Amino acid sequence: MIPQFESPNGLWRRLGYAIERGPRGERTIRRPDGSTVSIDTERGHHTGEVDAARQELARLPHGEGECRAAQLDIFA
């Protein structure tokens, strides 16, 4: 199933990040370089993931291809 474009899953997919699912709905988001994304869950997990993904998108060049190509350089 393809995730909604602006959902957390859709945003992580656009970035090319991996979602690791843990017990009781816990999730770890990994960049292509293996580092993890910090998620502020103070306002809830969904909102925290959307905010974090948008921050990641803002740091990267626009366009999926450019994002994926630049990630290893930016986060190395």
Protein backbone atom coordinates (compact mmCIF):
# COMPACT_ATOMS: atom_id res chain seq x y z
CA MET A 1 0.00 0.00 0.00
CA ILE A 2 1.33 3.44 -0.91
CA PRO A 3 1.30 5.85 2.06
CA GLN A 4 -0.44 9.21 1.95
CA PHE A 5 1.90 11.89 0.56
CA GLU A 6 2.01 14.09 3.71
CA SER A 7 1.70 11.28 6.27
CA PRO A 8 4.78 10.36 8.34
CA ASN A 9 5.22 7.19 6.25
CA GLY A 10 4.88 9.18 3.02
CA LEU A 11 7.39 11.78 4.14
CA TRP A 12 9.96 9.16 5.25
CA ARG A 13 9.47 7.30 1.98
CA ARG A 14 10.12 10.48 -0.03
CA LEU A 15 13.33 10.95 1.92
CA GLY A 16 14.38 7.34 1.44
CA TYR A 17 14.56 6.75 5.21
CA ALA A 18 13.89 3.38 6.84
CA ILE A 19 11.20 2.83 9.45
CA GLU A 20 12.04 0.17 12.03
CA ARG A 21 9.05 -0.98 14.01
CA GLY A 22 9.43 -2.05 17.62
CA PRO A 23 7.20 -3.29 20.39
CA ARG A 24 3.97 -1.46 21.20
CA GLY A 25 4.08 0.75 18.13
CA GLU A 26 7.53 2.19 18.78
CA ARG A 27 9.34 3.35 15.66
CA THR A 28 12.94 4.23 14.89
CA ILE A 29 13.61 6.29 11.77
CA ARG A 30 16.99 5.74 10.10
CA ARG A 31 18.70 7.86 7.50
CA PRO A 32 20.45 6.09 4.62
CA ASP A 33 23.77 6.51 6.48
CA GLY A 34 22.38 4.53 9.44
CA SER A 35 21.99 7.44 11.86
CA THR A 36 18.67 7.91 13.61
CA VAL A 37 16.30 10.85 13.42
CA SER A 38 15.38 12.47 16.73
CA ILE A 39 11.60 12.67 17.15
CA ASP A 40 10.06 15.09 19.67
CA THR A 41 6.94 13.27 20.87
CA GLU A 42 5.82 15.94 23.34
CA ARG A 43 2.82 16.79 21.12
CA GLY A 44 2.29 13.16 20.07
CA HIS A 45 4.11 10.66 17.89
CA HIS A 46 2.32 11.55 14.65
CA THR A 47 2.93 15.29 14.99
CA GLY A 48 6.52 14.70 16.11
CA GLU A 49 7.27 12.54 13.09
CA VAL A 50 5.68 14.98 10.66
CA ASP A 51 7.65 17.87 12.17
CA ALA A 52 10.92 15.90 12.12
CA ALA A 53 10.40 14.77 8.53
CA ARG A 54 9.67 18.32 7.39
CA GLN A 55 12.83 19.52 9.12
CA GLU A 56 14.81 16.80 7.34
CA LEU A 57 13.25 17.79 4.00
CA ALA A 58 14.13 21.45 4.62
CA ARG A 59 17.81 20.54 5.14
CA LEU A 60 18.10 18.63 1.87
CA PRO A 61 18.09 19.73 -1.77
CA HIS A 62 14.65 19.69 -3.34
CA GLY A 63 13.57 16.68 -5.34
CA GLU A 64 13.68 13.04 -4.27
CA GLY A 65 16.68 12.14 -6.43
CA GLU A 66 18.73 15.06 -5.14
CA CYS A 67 17.70 14.31 -1.54
CA ARG A 68 18.87 10.74 -1.67
CA ALA A 69 22.10 11.64 -3.46
CA ALA A 70 23.00 14.37 -0.95
CA GLN A 71 22.06 12.60 2.29
CA LEU A 72 25.25 10.67 2.76
CA ASP A 73 27.30 13.85 2.31
CA ILE A 74 25.17 15.98 4.63
CA PHE A 75 24.84 13.47 7.45
CA ALA A 76 28.34 11.98 7.26
